[in-house]
N, C-alpha and C. Protein backbone atom coordinates (compact mmCIF):
# COMPACT_ATOMS: atom_id res chain seq x y z
N MET A 1 -34.72 37.94 15.12
CA MET A 1 -34.61 36.47 15.12
C MET A 1 -35.99 35.82 15.10
N HIS A 2 -36.94 36.44 15.87
CA HIS A 2 -38.29 35.89 15.89
C HIS A 2 -38.93 35.99 14.51
N ASP A 3 -38.70 37.10 13.84
CA ASP A 3 -39.24 37.26 12.49
C ASP A 3 -38.67 36.22 11.54
N PHE A 4 -37.38 35.93 11.70
CA PHE A 4 -36.76 34.94 10.82
C PHE A 4 -37.39 33.57 11.00
N PHE A 5 -37.56 33.16 12.27
CA PHE A 5 -38.15 31.84 12.51
C PHE A 5 -39.62 31.80 12.09
N SER A 6 -40.29 32.94 12.24
CA SER A 6 -41.68 33.00 11.78
C SER A 6 -41.75 32.81 10.28
N TRP A 7 -40.82 33.48 9.57
CA TRP A 7 -40.76 33.31 8.11
C TRP A 7 -40.35 31.89 7.72
N LEU A 8 -39.39 31.30 8.53
CA LEU A 8 -38.85 29.99 8.21
C LEU A 8 -39.93 28.92 8.31
N PHE A 9 -40.77 29.00 9.33
CA PHE A 9 -41.77 27.95 9.56
C PHE A 9 -43.19 28.41 9.23
N ASP A 10 -43.29 29.45 8.42
CA ASP A 10 -44.60 29.95 8.02
C ASP A 10 -45.24 28.99 7.03
N SER A 11 -46.40 28.47 7.37
CA SER A 11 -47.12 27.55 6.48
C SER A 11 -48.53 28.05 6.16
N THR A 12 -48.77 29.34 6.48
CA THR A 12 -50.12 29.88 6.27
C THR A 12 -50.18 30.86 5.11
N THR A 13 -49.03 31.41 4.75
CA THR A 13 -49.04 32.44 3.71
C THR A 13 -49.22 31.86 2.32
N PHE A 14 -48.63 30.67 2.09
CA PHE A 14 -48.64 30.07 0.76
C PHE A 14 -49.52 28.83 0.74
N GLU A 15 -49.75 28.36 -0.47
CA GLU A 15 -50.50 27.13 -0.66
C GLU A 15 -49.53 25.97 -0.83
N PRO A 16 -49.92 24.76 -0.46
CA PRO A 16 -49.03 23.60 -0.66
C PRO A 16 -48.80 23.34 -2.15
N HIS A 17 -47.69 22.71 -2.43
CA HIS A 17 -47.30 22.48 -3.83
C HIS A 17 -48.26 21.51 -4.54
N GLY A 18 -48.94 20.71 -3.76
CA GLY A 18 -49.87 19.76 -4.37
C GLY A 18 -50.97 20.42 -5.17
N ILE A 19 -51.29 21.65 -4.80
CA ILE A 19 -52.35 22.34 -5.52
C ILE A 19 -51.96 22.64 -6.96
N CYS A 20 -50.61 22.79 -7.18
CA CYS A 20 -50.14 23.04 -8.55
C CYS A 20 -50.37 21.82 -9.43
N LEU A 21 -50.42 20.65 -8.80
CA LEU A 21 -50.68 19.42 -9.55
C LEU A 21 -52.14 19.03 -9.48
N LEU A 22 -52.98 20.00 -9.04
CA LEU A 22 -54.42 19.78 -8.95
C LEU A 22 -54.77 18.59 -8.07
N TRP A 23 -53.89 18.34 -7.13
CA TRP A 23 -54.06 17.24 -6.17
C TRP A 23 -54.30 15.89 -6.84
N ARG A 24 -53.70 15.74 -8.00
CA ARG A 24 -53.78 14.43 -8.66
C ARG A 24 -52.93 13.44 -7.88
N ALA A 25 -53.57 12.43 -7.37
CA ALA A 25 -52.88 11.50 -6.48
C ALA A 25 -51.72 10.80 -7.18
N ASP A 26 -51.91 10.47 -8.47
CA ASP A 26 -50.84 9.75 -9.15
C ASP A 26 -49.58 10.60 -9.27
N LEU A 27 -49.74 11.91 -9.59
CA LEU A 27 -48.58 12.78 -9.70
C LEU A 27 -47.97 13.11 -8.34
N VAL A 28 -48.82 13.44 -7.38
CA VAL A 28 -48.33 13.84 -6.06
C VAL A 28 -47.56 12.69 -5.41
N TRP A 29 -48.19 11.52 -5.35
CA TRP A 29 -47.56 10.40 -4.67
C TRP A 29 -46.35 9.86 -5.45
N ALA A 30 -46.42 9.90 -6.78
CA ALA A 30 -45.26 9.43 -7.56
C ALA A 30 -44.05 10.31 -7.28
N GLN A 31 -44.25 11.64 -7.28
CA GLN A 31 -43.12 12.53 -7.03
C GLN A 31 -42.67 12.47 -5.57
N ALA A 32 -43.64 12.36 -4.65
CA ALA A 32 -43.28 12.30 -3.23
C ALA A 32 -42.48 11.03 -2.92
N ILE A 33 -42.93 9.89 -3.46
CA ILE A 33 -42.21 8.63 -3.23
C ILE A 33 -40.83 8.69 -3.87
N ALA A 34 -40.76 9.24 -5.10
CA ALA A 34 -39.46 9.35 -5.77
C ALA A 34 -38.52 10.23 -4.96
N ASP A 35 -39.02 11.39 -4.46
CA ASP A 35 -38.18 12.26 -3.63
C ASP A 35 -37.75 11.56 -2.34
N GLY A 36 -38.65 10.76 -1.78
CA GLY A 36 -38.30 10.04 -0.55
C GLY A 36 -37.21 9.00 -0.79
N LEU A 37 -37.34 8.26 -1.88
CA LEU A 37 -36.31 7.26 -2.19
C LEU A 37 -34.97 7.91 -2.51
N ILE A 38 -35.02 9.02 -3.24
CA ILE A 38 -33.77 9.73 -3.54
C ILE A 38 -33.13 10.23 -2.25
N ALA A 39 -33.96 10.77 -1.34
CA ALA A 39 -33.44 11.28 -0.07
C ALA A 39 -32.80 10.16 0.74
N LEU A 40 -33.46 8.98 0.79
CA LEU A 40 -32.87 7.87 1.53
C LEU A 40 -31.52 7.46 0.95
N SER A 41 -31.44 7.44 -0.37
CA SER A 41 -30.17 7.12 -1.02
C SER A 41 -29.11 8.17 -0.69
N TYR A 42 -29.52 9.44 -0.77
CA TYR A 42 -28.58 10.52 -0.48
C TYR A 42 -28.13 10.50 0.98
N PHE A 43 -29.00 10.09 1.88
CA PHE A 43 -28.61 10.04 3.29
C PHE A 43 -27.67 8.87 3.58
N SER A 44 -27.78 7.80 2.79
CA SER A 44 -26.92 6.64 3.04
C SER A 44 -25.51 6.82 2.46
N ILE A 45 -25.41 7.58 1.35
CA ILE A 45 -24.09 7.75 0.71
C ILE A 45 -23.09 8.45 1.63
N PRO A 46 -23.45 9.55 2.33
CA PRO A 46 -22.46 10.17 3.22
C PRO A 46 -21.96 9.23 4.32
N ILE A 47 -22.84 8.34 4.79
CA ILE A 47 -22.41 7.39 5.82
C ILE A 47 -21.32 6.48 5.27
N VAL A 48 -21.51 6.02 4.02
CA VAL A 48 -20.51 5.17 3.38
C VAL A 48 -19.21 5.94 3.19
N LEU A 49 -19.31 7.20 2.74
CA LEU A 49 -18.11 8.01 2.52
C LEU A 49 -17.35 8.26 3.82
N LEU A 50 -18.08 8.58 4.89
CA LEU A 50 -17.42 8.83 6.17
C LEU A 50 -16.76 7.57 6.71
N ALA A 51 -17.44 6.43 6.55
CA ALA A 51 -16.85 5.16 7.00
C ALA A 51 -15.59 4.85 6.19
N PHE A 52 -15.66 5.14 4.89
CA PHE A 52 -14.50 4.91 4.01
C PHE A 52 -13.32 5.78 4.43
N VAL A 53 -13.58 7.07 4.67
CA VAL A 53 -12.52 8.00 5.08
C VAL A 53 -11.95 7.60 6.44
N ALA A 54 -12.81 7.13 7.34
CA ALA A 54 -12.35 6.76 8.68
C ALA A 54 -11.45 5.54 8.65
N LYS A 55 -11.72 4.60 7.74
CA LYS A 55 -10.94 3.36 7.70
C LYS A 55 -9.70 3.47 6.83
N ARG A 56 -9.76 4.32 5.81
CA ARG A 56 -8.60 4.48 4.92
C ARG A 56 -7.81 5.70 5.35
N LYS A 57 -6.73 5.47 6.10
CA LYS A 57 -5.90 6.57 6.58
C LYS A 57 -4.89 7.04 5.54
N ASP A 58 -4.81 6.34 4.41
CA ASP A 58 -3.81 6.67 3.39
C ASP A 58 -4.40 7.49 2.24
N LEU A 59 -5.60 8.01 2.40
CA LEU A 59 -6.21 8.79 1.33
C LEU A 59 -5.43 10.09 1.13
N VAL A 60 -5.23 10.44 -0.14
CA VAL A 60 -4.46 11.64 -0.45
C VAL A 60 -5.31 12.89 -0.26
N PHE A 61 -6.61 12.83 -0.58
CA PHE A 61 -7.49 13.99 -0.47
C PHE A 61 -8.74 13.61 0.34
N PRO A 62 -8.62 13.40 1.63
CA PRO A 62 -9.80 12.99 2.41
C PRO A 62 -10.86 14.08 2.51
N TRP A 63 -10.44 15.34 2.45
CA TRP A 63 -11.40 16.43 2.63
C TRP A 63 -12.42 16.49 1.50
N ILE A 64 -12.05 16.06 0.28
CA ILE A 64 -13.00 16.11 -0.82
C ILE A 64 -14.14 15.11 -0.59
N PHE A 65 -13.84 13.99 0.08
CA PHE A 65 -14.90 13.03 0.41
C PHE A 65 -15.86 13.63 1.44
N ILE A 66 -15.31 14.40 2.38
CA ILE A 66 -16.15 15.04 3.38
C ILE A 66 -17.05 16.09 2.74
N LEU A 67 -16.49 16.87 1.81
CA LEU A 67 -17.31 17.86 1.09
C LEU A 67 -18.41 17.18 0.28
N PHE A 68 -18.05 16.11 -0.42
CA PHE A 68 -19.06 15.37 -1.17
C PHE A 68 -20.15 14.84 -0.25
N GLY A 69 -19.74 14.33 0.92
CA GLY A 69 -20.72 13.81 1.87
C GLY A 69 -21.69 14.88 2.33
N ALA A 70 -21.16 16.08 2.65
CA ALA A 70 -22.02 17.18 3.08
C ALA A 70 -22.95 17.63 1.95
N PHE A 71 -22.39 17.71 0.74
CA PHE A 71 -23.19 18.12 -0.41
C PHE A 71 -24.33 17.13 -0.67
N ILE A 72 -24.02 15.85 -0.65
CA ILE A 72 -25.05 14.83 -0.92
C ILE A 72 -26.09 14.80 0.19
N LEU A 73 -25.64 15.00 1.44
CA LEU A 73 -26.58 15.04 2.56
C LEU A 73 -27.58 16.19 2.41
N LEU A 74 -27.07 17.35 2.01
CA LEU A 74 -27.96 18.50 1.81
C LEU A 74 -28.87 18.30 0.61
N CYS A 75 -28.36 17.63 -0.44
CA CYS A 75 -29.23 17.31 -1.58
C CYS A 75 -30.40 16.43 -1.14
N GLY A 76 -30.10 15.46 -0.28
CA GLY A 76 -31.17 14.62 0.24
C GLY A 76 -32.18 15.43 1.04
N THR A 77 -31.69 16.42 1.79
CA THR A 77 -32.60 17.28 2.58
C THR A 77 -33.52 18.07 1.67
N THR A 78 -32.99 18.58 0.54
CA THR A 78 -33.86 19.33 -0.38
C THR A 78 -34.96 18.45 -0.96
N HIS A 79 -34.64 17.18 -1.19
CA HIS A 79 -35.67 16.26 -1.70
C HIS A 79 -36.74 15.99 -0.63
N VAL A 80 -36.32 15.90 0.62
CA VAL A 80 -37.31 15.75 1.70
C VAL A 80 -38.23 16.96 1.75
N MET A 81 -37.63 18.15 1.62
CA MET A 81 -38.45 19.36 1.65
C MET A 81 -39.37 19.42 0.43
N ASP A 82 -38.87 18.97 -0.74
CA ASP A 82 -39.73 18.95 -1.93
C ASP A 82 -40.95 18.06 -1.71
N ALA A 83 -40.71 16.92 -1.08
CA ALA A 83 -41.84 16.01 -0.82
C ALA A 83 -42.78 16.59 0.24
N MET A 84 -42.20 17.26 1.24
CA MET A 84 -43.04 17.81 2.32
C MET A 84 -43.93 18.94 1.84
N THR A 85 -43.40 19.76 0.93
CA THR A 85 -44.18 20.93 0.50
C THR A 85 -45.37 20.57 -0.38
N PHE A 86 -45.49 19.31 -0.77
CA PHE A 86 -46.71 18.91 -1.46
C PHE A 86 -47.92 19.12 -0.55
N TRP A 87 -47.76 18.93 0.78
CA TRP A 87 -48.87 19.04 1.72
C TRP A 87 -48.70 20.19 2.69
N VAL A 88 -47.44 20.48 3.09
CA VAL A 88 -47.17 21.55 4.07
C VAL A 88 -46.31 22.61 3.38
N PRO A 89 -46.79 23.80 3.18
CA PRO A 89 -46.06 24.82 2.42
C PRO A 89 -44.96 25.52 3.24
N LEU A 90 -43.98 24.76 3.67
CA LEU A 90 -42.84 25.34 4.40
C LEU A 90 -41.78 25.79 3.40
N TYR A 91 -42.12 26.78 2.60
CA TYR A 91 -41.20 27.21 1.54
C TYR A 91 -40.00 27.97 2.10
N GLY A 92 -40.15 28.58 3.25
CA GLY A 92 -39.00 29.24 3.88
C GLY A 92 -37.94 28.22 4.26
N LEU A 93 -38.38 27.12 4.90
CA LEU A 93 -37.44 26.06 5.28
C LEU A 93 -36.84 25.40 4.04
N GLN A 94 -37.66 25.24 3.01
CA GLN A 94 -37.17 24.66 1.76
C GLN A 94 -36.11 25.58 1.13
N THR A 95 -36.36 26.89 1.19
CA THR A 95 -35.40 27.84 0.63
C THR A 95 -34.07 27.79 1.36
N VAL A 96 -34.11 27.71 2.70
CA VAL A 96 -32.87 27.64 3.49
C VAL A 96 -32.09 26.37 3.14
N SER A 97 -32.79 25.23 2.98
CA SER A 97 -32.10 23.98 2.65
C SER A 97 -31.42 24.07 1.29
N LYS A 98 -32.07 24.76 0.33
CA LYS A 98 -31.46 24.90 -0.98
C LYS A 98 -30.29 25.88 -0.96
N ILE A 99 -30.39 26.93 -0.14
CA ILE A 99 -29.28 27.87 -0.01
C ILE A 99 -28.06 27.18 0.60
N LEU A 100 -28.28 26.37 1.64
CA LEU A 100 -27.18 25.63 2.25
C LEU A 100 -26.56 24.66 1.26
N THR A 101 -27.41 24.02 0.47
CA THR A 101 -26.89 23.10 -0.56
C THR A 101 -26.03 23.85 -1.57
N ALA A 102 -26.47 25.05 -1.97
CA ALA A 102 -25.69 25.85 -2.90
C ALA A 102 -24.37 26.28 -2.29
N LEU A 103 -24.41 26.67 -1.00
CA LEU A 103 -23.18 27.12 -0.33
C LEU A 103 -22.14 26.02 -0.22
N VAL A 104 -22.59 24.78 -0.18
CA VAL A 104 -21.64 23.66 -0.11
C VAL A 104 -21.27 23.16 -1.51
N SER A 105 -22.24 23.15 -2.41
CA SER A 105 -21.99 22.59 -3.75
C SER A 105 -21.06 23.46 -4.57
N VAL A 106 -21.18 24.77 -4.47
CA VAL A 106 -20.33 25.66 -5.26
C VAL A 106 -18.86 25.53 -4.87
N PRO A 107 -18.49 25.62 -3.57
CA PRO A 107 -17.07 25.41 -3.22
C PRO A 107 -16.57 24.02 -3.61
N THR A 108 -17.44 23.02 -3.49
CA THR A 108 -17.02 21.67 -3.87
C THR A 108 -16.68 21.61 -5.35
N ALA A 109 -17.53 22.21 -6.18
CA ALA A 109 -17.27 22.22 -7.62
C ALA A 109 -16.01 23.03 -7.94
N ILE A 110 -15.83 24.18 -7.27
CA ILE A 110 -14.66 25.02 -7.53
C ILE A 110 -13.37 24.31 -7.13
N LEU A 111 -13.39 23.66 -5.98
CA LEU A 111 -12.18 22.97 -5.50
C LEU A 111 -11.89 21.71 -6.28
N LEU A 112 -12.90 21.17 -6.92
CA LEU A 112 -12.69 19.91 -7.65
C LEU A 112 -11.88 20.12 -8.92
N TRP A 113 -12.05 21.24 -9.59
CA TRP A 113 -11.35 21.46 -10.86
C TRP A 113 -9.84 21.48 -10.71
N PRO A 114 -9.25 22.26 -9.81
CA PRO A 114 -7.78 22.20 -9.68
C PRO A 114 -7.28 20.87 -9.11
N LEU A 115 -8.20 20.08 -8.56
CA LEU A 115 -7.79 18.80 -7.99
C LEU A 115 -7.61 17.74 -9.07
N ILE A 116 -8.25 17.94 -10.23
CA ILE A 116 -8.22 16.93 -11.29
C ILE A 116 -6.80 16.59 -11.75
N PRO A 117 -5.92 17.58 -12.03
CA PRO A 117 -4.55 17.21 -12.44
C PRO A 117 -3.80 16.41 -11.38
N ARG A 118 -4.02 16.74 -10.12
CA ARG A 118 -3.35 15.99 -9.05
C ARG A 118 -3.88 14.57 -8.96
N VAL A 119 -5.19 14.42 -9.17
CA VAL A 119 -5.77 13.07 -9.15
C VAL A 119 -5.26 12.25 -10.33
N LEU A 120 -5.19 12.90 -11.51
CA LEU A 120 -4.71 12.19 -12.69
C LEU A 120 -3.25 11.80 -12.58
N SER A 121 -2.47 12.54 -11.79
CA SER A 121 -1.06 12.21 -11.62
C SER A 121 -0.84 11.01 -10.69
N LEU A 122 -1.87 10.63 -9.96
CA LEU A 122 -1.75 9.47 -9.08
C LEU A 122 -1.63 8.20 -9.93
N PRO A 123 -0.84 7.23 -9.48
CA PRO A 123 -0.69 5.99 -10.27
C PRO A 123 -2.00 5.23 -10.34
N SER A 124 -2.24 4.66 -11.52
CA SER A 124 -3.45 3.85 -11.70
C SER A 124 -3.25 2.46 -11.09
N ILE A 125 -4.33 1.68 -11.06
CA ILE A 125 -4.26 0.34 -10.49
C ILE A 125 -3.32 -0.53 -11.30
N SER A 126 -3.38 -0.39 -12.65
CA SER A 126 -2.49 -1.19 -13.49
C SER A 126 -1.03 -0.83 -13.25
N GLU A 127 -0.76 0.47 -13.06
CA GLU A 127 0.62 0.90 -12.78
C GLU A 127 1.08 0.36 -11.43
N LEU A 128 0.18 0.40 -10.45
CA LEU A 128 0.54 -0.15 -9.14
C LEU A 128 0.78 -1.65 -9.23
N GLU A 129 -0.05 -2.35 -10.03
CA GLU A 129 0.15 -3.79 -10.19
C GLU A 129 1.49 -4.07 -10.86
N LYS A 130 1.84 -3.26 -11.89
CA LYS A 130 3.14 -3.44 -12.54
C LYS A 130 4.28 -3.18 -11.56
N GLU A 131 4.11 -2.16 -10.73
CA GLU A 131 5.15 -1.84 -9.76
C GLU A 131 5.32 -2.97 -8.75
N VAL A 132 4.18 -3.51 -8.30
CA VAL A 132 4.23 -4.63 -7.35
C VAL A 132 4.88 -5.85 -8.00
N ALA A 133 4.49 -6.12 -9.27
CA ALA A 133 5.08 -7.26 -9.98
C ALA A 133 6.58 -7.07 -10.17
N SER A 134 6.98 -5.84 -10.52
CA SER A 134 8.42 -5.56 -10.68
C SER A 134 9.16 -5.74 -9.35
N LYS A 135 8.54 -5.28 -8.28
CA LYS A 135 9.15 -5.44 -6.96
C LYS A 135 9.29 -6.91 -6.60
N GLN A 136 8.26 -7.69 -6.93
CA GLN A 136 8.32 -9.13 -6.65
C GLN A 136 9.42 -9.80 -7.46
N ARG A 137 9.54 -9.39 -8.75
CA ARG A 137 10.61 -9.95 -9.58
C ARG A 137 11.98 -9.57 -9.02
N ASN A 138 12.12 -8.32 -8.58
CA ASN A 138 13.39 -7.90 -7.99
C ASN A 138 13.71 -8.69 -6.72
N GLU A 139 12.67 -8.93 -5.92
CA GLU A 139 12.88 -9.71 -4.70
C GLU A 139 13.28 -11.14 -5.03
N GLU A 140 12.63 -11.72 -6.06
CA GLU A 140 13.00 -13.08 -6.47
C GLU A 140 14.43 -13.12 -7.00
N THR A 141 14.79 -12.11 -7.80
CA THR A 141 16.17 -12.04 -8.30
C THR A 141 17.16 -11.90 -7.16
N LEU A 142 16.81 -11.08 -6.17
CA LEU A 142 17.69 -10.90 -5.02
C LEU A 142 17.82 -12.19 -4.22
N ARG A 143 16.69 -12.91 -4.09
CA ARG A 143 16.76 -14.20 -3.38
C ARG A 143 17.64 -15.19 -4.15
N ASP A 144 17.50 -15.19 -5.49
CA ASP A 144 18.34 -16.08 -6.30
C ASP A 144 19.82 -15.72 -6.15
N LEU A 145 20.11 -14.42 -6.18
CA LEU A 145 21.50 -13.99 -6.01
C LEU A 145 22.04 -14.37 -4.64
N ASN A 146 21.20 -14.20 -3.62
CA ASN A 146 21.62 -14.58 -2.27
C ASN A 146 21.88 -16.09 -2.18
N THR A 147 21.01 -16.87 -2.85
CA THR A 147 21.20 -18.33 -2.84
C THR A 147 22.49 -18.70 -3.56
N ARG A 148 22.73 -18.07 -4.71
CA ARG A 148 23.96 -18.35 -5.46
C ARG A 148 25.18 -17.92 -4.67
N LEU A 149 25.08 -16.76 -4.01
CA LEU A 149 26.21 -16.28 -3.20
C LEU A 149 26.48 -17.23 -2.04
N ALA A 150 25.39 -17.68 -1.40
CA ALA A 150 25.57 -18.62 -0.30
C ALA A 150 26.20 -19.92 -0.79
N GLN A 151 25.78 -20.38 -2.00
CA GLN A 151 26.37 -21.59 -2.57
C GLN A 151 27.85 -21.38 -2.89
N GLU A 152 28.18 -20.20 -3.45
CA GLU A 152 29.58 -19.91 -3.76
C GLU A 152 30.43 -19.84 -2.49
N VAL A 153 29.88 -19.24 -1.45
CA VAL A 153 30.61 -19.19 -0.17
C VAL A 153 30.83 -20.60 0.37
N SER A 154 29.76 -21.44 0.27
CA SER A 154 29.90 -22.81 0.73
C SER A 154 30.94 -23.57 -0.09
N ASP A 155 30.90 -23.37 -1.43
CA ASP A 155 31.90 -24.04 -2.28
C ASP A 155 33.30 -23.56 -1.95
N LYS A 156 33.45 -22.26 -1.71
CA LYS A 156 34.76 -21.72 -1.37
C LYS A 156 35.26 -22.30 -0.06
N GLN A 157 34.36 -22.40 0.93
CA GLN A 157 34.76 -22.98 2.21
C GLN A 157 35.19 -24.43 2.05
N GLN A 158 34.44 -25.19 1.23
CA GLN A 158 34.81 -26.58 0.98
C GLN A 158 36.17 -26.67 0.27
N ALA A 159 36.39 -25.76 -0.73
CA ALA A 159 37.67 -25.76 -1.43
C ALA A 159 38.81 -25.41 -0.48
N GLU A 160 38.57 -24.45 0.41
CA GLU A 160 39.61 -24.09 1.39
C GLU A 160 39.90 -25.25 2.33
N GLU A 161 38.86 -25.97 2.74
CA GLU A 161 39.07 -27.13 3.60
C GLU A 161 39.88 -28.20 2.88
N LYS A 162 39.54 -28.43 1.58
CA LYS A 162 40.30 -29.41 0.80
C LYS A 162 41.75 -28.96 0.65
N LEU A 163 41.97 -27.65 0.41
CA LEU A 163 43.32 -27.13 0.27
C LEU A 163 44.10 -27.29 1.57
N ARG A 164 43.43 -27.02 2.68
CA ARG A 164 44.11 -27.22 3.97
C ARG A 164 44.47 -28.68 4.17
N ASP A 165 43.55 -29.57 3.79
CA ASP A 165 43.85 -31.01 3.91
C ASP A 165 45.03 -31.39 3.02
N LEU A 166 45.05 -30.86 1.77
CA LEU A 166 46.17 -31.16 0.87
C LEU A 166 47.48 -30.61 1.41
N ASN A 167 47.43 -29.39 1.96
CA ASN A 167 48.64 -28.82 2.54
C ASN A 167 49.13 -29.64 3.72
N ALA A 168 48.17 -30.10 4.54
CA ALA A 168 48.56 -30.93 5.68
C ALA A 168 49.17 -32.24 5.20
N GLN A 169 48.53 -32.84 4.19
CA GLN A 169 49.08 -34.09 3.65
C GLN A 169 50.45 -33.85 3.03
N LEU A 170 50.60 -32.73 2.31
CA LEU A 170 51.89 -32.42 1.69
C LEU A 170 52.97 -32.20 2.75
N GLU A 171 52.61 -31.46 3.79
CA GLU A 171 53.58 -31.24 4.87
C GLU A 171 53.96 -32.56 5.53
N GLN A 172 52.94 -33.43 5.68
CA GLN A 172 53.22 -34.73 6.28
C GLN A 172 54.18 -35.54 5.39
N LYS A 173 53.91 -35.51 4.07
CA LYS A 173 54.79 -36.23 3.15
C LYS A 173 56.19 -35.64 3.12
N VAL A 174 56.27 -34.29 3.14
CA VAL A 174 57.59 -33.64 3.15
C VAL A 174 58.35 -34.02 4.42
N THR A 175 57.63 -34.01 5.53
CA THR A 175 58.28 -34.38 6.80
C THR A 175 58.76 -35.82 6.75
N GLU A 176 57.88 -36.70 6.24
CA GLU A 176 58.28 -38.11 6.14
C GLU A 176 59.46 -38.28 5.19
N ARG A 177 59.42 -37.57 4.03
CA ARG A 177 60.52 -37.67 3.07
C ARG A 177 61.81 -37.09 3.66
N THR A 178 61.69 -36.00 4.39
CA THR A 178 62.88 -35.41 5.02
C THR A 178 63.47 -36.36 6.04
N ASN A 179 62.61 -36.92 6.87
CA ASN A 179 63.10 -37.87 7.88
C ASN A 179 63.75 -39.07 7.21
N ALA A 180 63.15 -39.52 6.08
CA ALA A 180 63.72 -40.66 5.37
C ALA A 180 65.09 -40.29 4.81
N LEU A 181 65.19 -39.07 4.25
CA LEU A 181 66.48 -38.63 3.72
C LEU A 181 67.53 -38.51 4.83
N ILE A 182 67.10 -38.01 5.99
CA ILE A 182 68.04 -37.90 7.12
C ILE A 182 68.52 -39.28 7.55
N ASP A 183 67.58 -40.20 7.63
CA ASP A 183 67.98 -41.56 8.01
C ASP A 183 68.90 -42.15 6.96
N LEU A 184 68.56 -41.94 5.68
CA LEU A 184 69.41 -42.49 4.61
C LEU A 184 70.79 -41.86 4.62
N ASN A 185 70.81 -40.55 4.87
CA ASN A 185 72.10 -39.86 4.95
C ASN A 185 72.94 -40.39 6.09
N ALA A 186 72.29 -40.63 7.21
CA ALA A 186 73.02 -41.17 8.37
C ALA A 186 73.55 -42.55 8.05
N LYS A 187 72.76 -43.38 7.38
CA LYS A 187 73.21 -44.73 7.03
C LYS A 187 74.39 -44.66 6.06
N LEU A 188 74.28 -43.71 5.08
CA LEU A 188 75.38 -43.59 4.12
C LEU A 188 76.67 -43.16 4.82
N ARG A 189 76.56 -42.25 5.73
CA ARG A 189 77.75 -41.82 6.46
C ARG A 189 78.34 -42.97 7.27
N THR A 190 77.46 -43.72 7.85
CA THR A 190 77.94 -44.85 8.65
C THR A 190 78.65 -45.86 7.75
N GLU A 191 78.07 -46.15 6.59
CA GLU A 191 78.68 -47.11 5.67
C GLU A 191 80.01 -46.56 5.13
N ILE A 192 80.05 -45.28 4.82
CA ILE A 192 81.31 -44.69 4.33
C ILE A 192 82.40 -44.77 5.40
N ALA A 193 82.00 -44.49 6.61
CA ALA A 193 82.98 -44.55 7.71
C ALA A 193 83.48 -45.98 7.88
N MET A 194 82.58 -46.93 7.76
CA MET A 194 82.98 -48.33 7.92
C MET A 194 83.89 -48.75 6.78
N GLN A 195 83.56 -48.29 5.55
CA GLN A 195 84.42 -48.65 4.42
C GLN A 195 85.81 -48.01 4.55
N GLN A 196 85.87 -46.81 5.05
CA GLN A 196 87.18 -46.18 5.25
C GLN A 196 88.01 -46.93 6.30
N GLN A 197 87.36 -47.38 7.32
CA GLN A 197 88.08 -48.12 8.34
C GLN A 197 88.61 -49.46 7.77
N ILE A 198 87.84 -50.05 6.89
CA ILE A 198 88.30 -51.31 6.30
C ILE A 198 89.48 -51.06 5.38
N LYS A 199 89.45 -49.99 4.60
CA LYS A 199 90.52 -49.73 3.68
C LYS A 199 91.81 -49.29 4.35
N GLU A 200 91.73 -48.56 5.42
CA GLU A 200 92.95 -48.10 6.10
C GLU A 200 93.64 -49.27 6.79
N PRO A 201 95.04 -49.40 6.61
CA PRO A 201 95.75 -50.51 7.30
C PRO A 201 95.89 -50.22 8.78
N PRO A 202 95.94 -51.22 9.51
CA PRO A 202 96.06 -51.04 10.98
C PRO A 202 97.45 -50.47 11.29
N GLU A 203 97.52 -49.59 12.24
CA GLU A 203 98.78 -48.99 12.64
C GLU A 203 99.63 -50.00 13.43
N LYS A 204 100.99 -49.93 13.12
CA LYS A 204 101.92 -50.80 13.83
C LYS A 204 102.56 -50.04 14.94
């Protein structure tokens, strides 16, 4: 283990990478600044991905975002090491960072290929918008049908009330007509009886 760490942090065996560029300040600083900016960008992207995964609980493949985050984070680390080795020849540490990046990038690339058909089968935004619009139209149609049904029920109730009123009025008229006929019949009987008494001669 001691030998490994000695190899990992050995900065005396090799020369710094800046010597390959003949210590030209324009080349060294341009590449170092570029590596630094790339590293900062790479370090910020995983934070965004993790925040996105944490807030979106409905993601179908959240693990691929985590793999991408780890891969991008390690890529940023390799750029930091590239910039550092211009002055400090920690090539052992640089090698380990690149090996870790490879160990994460290769599985990510391998797992991404079979994931493509599943991703393509997911509905697109336009399809989701059409589905939402269709659902809204169906809801509006259902509301219209409910309104029409409620109106028909109300009309039926009003018609039933009118029919009950007509039946009540008809029964009242029938009762009145029946009573009138009974009274008329009684009067006719009385008149007939009186006429018979007038026609019959008195008994002696």
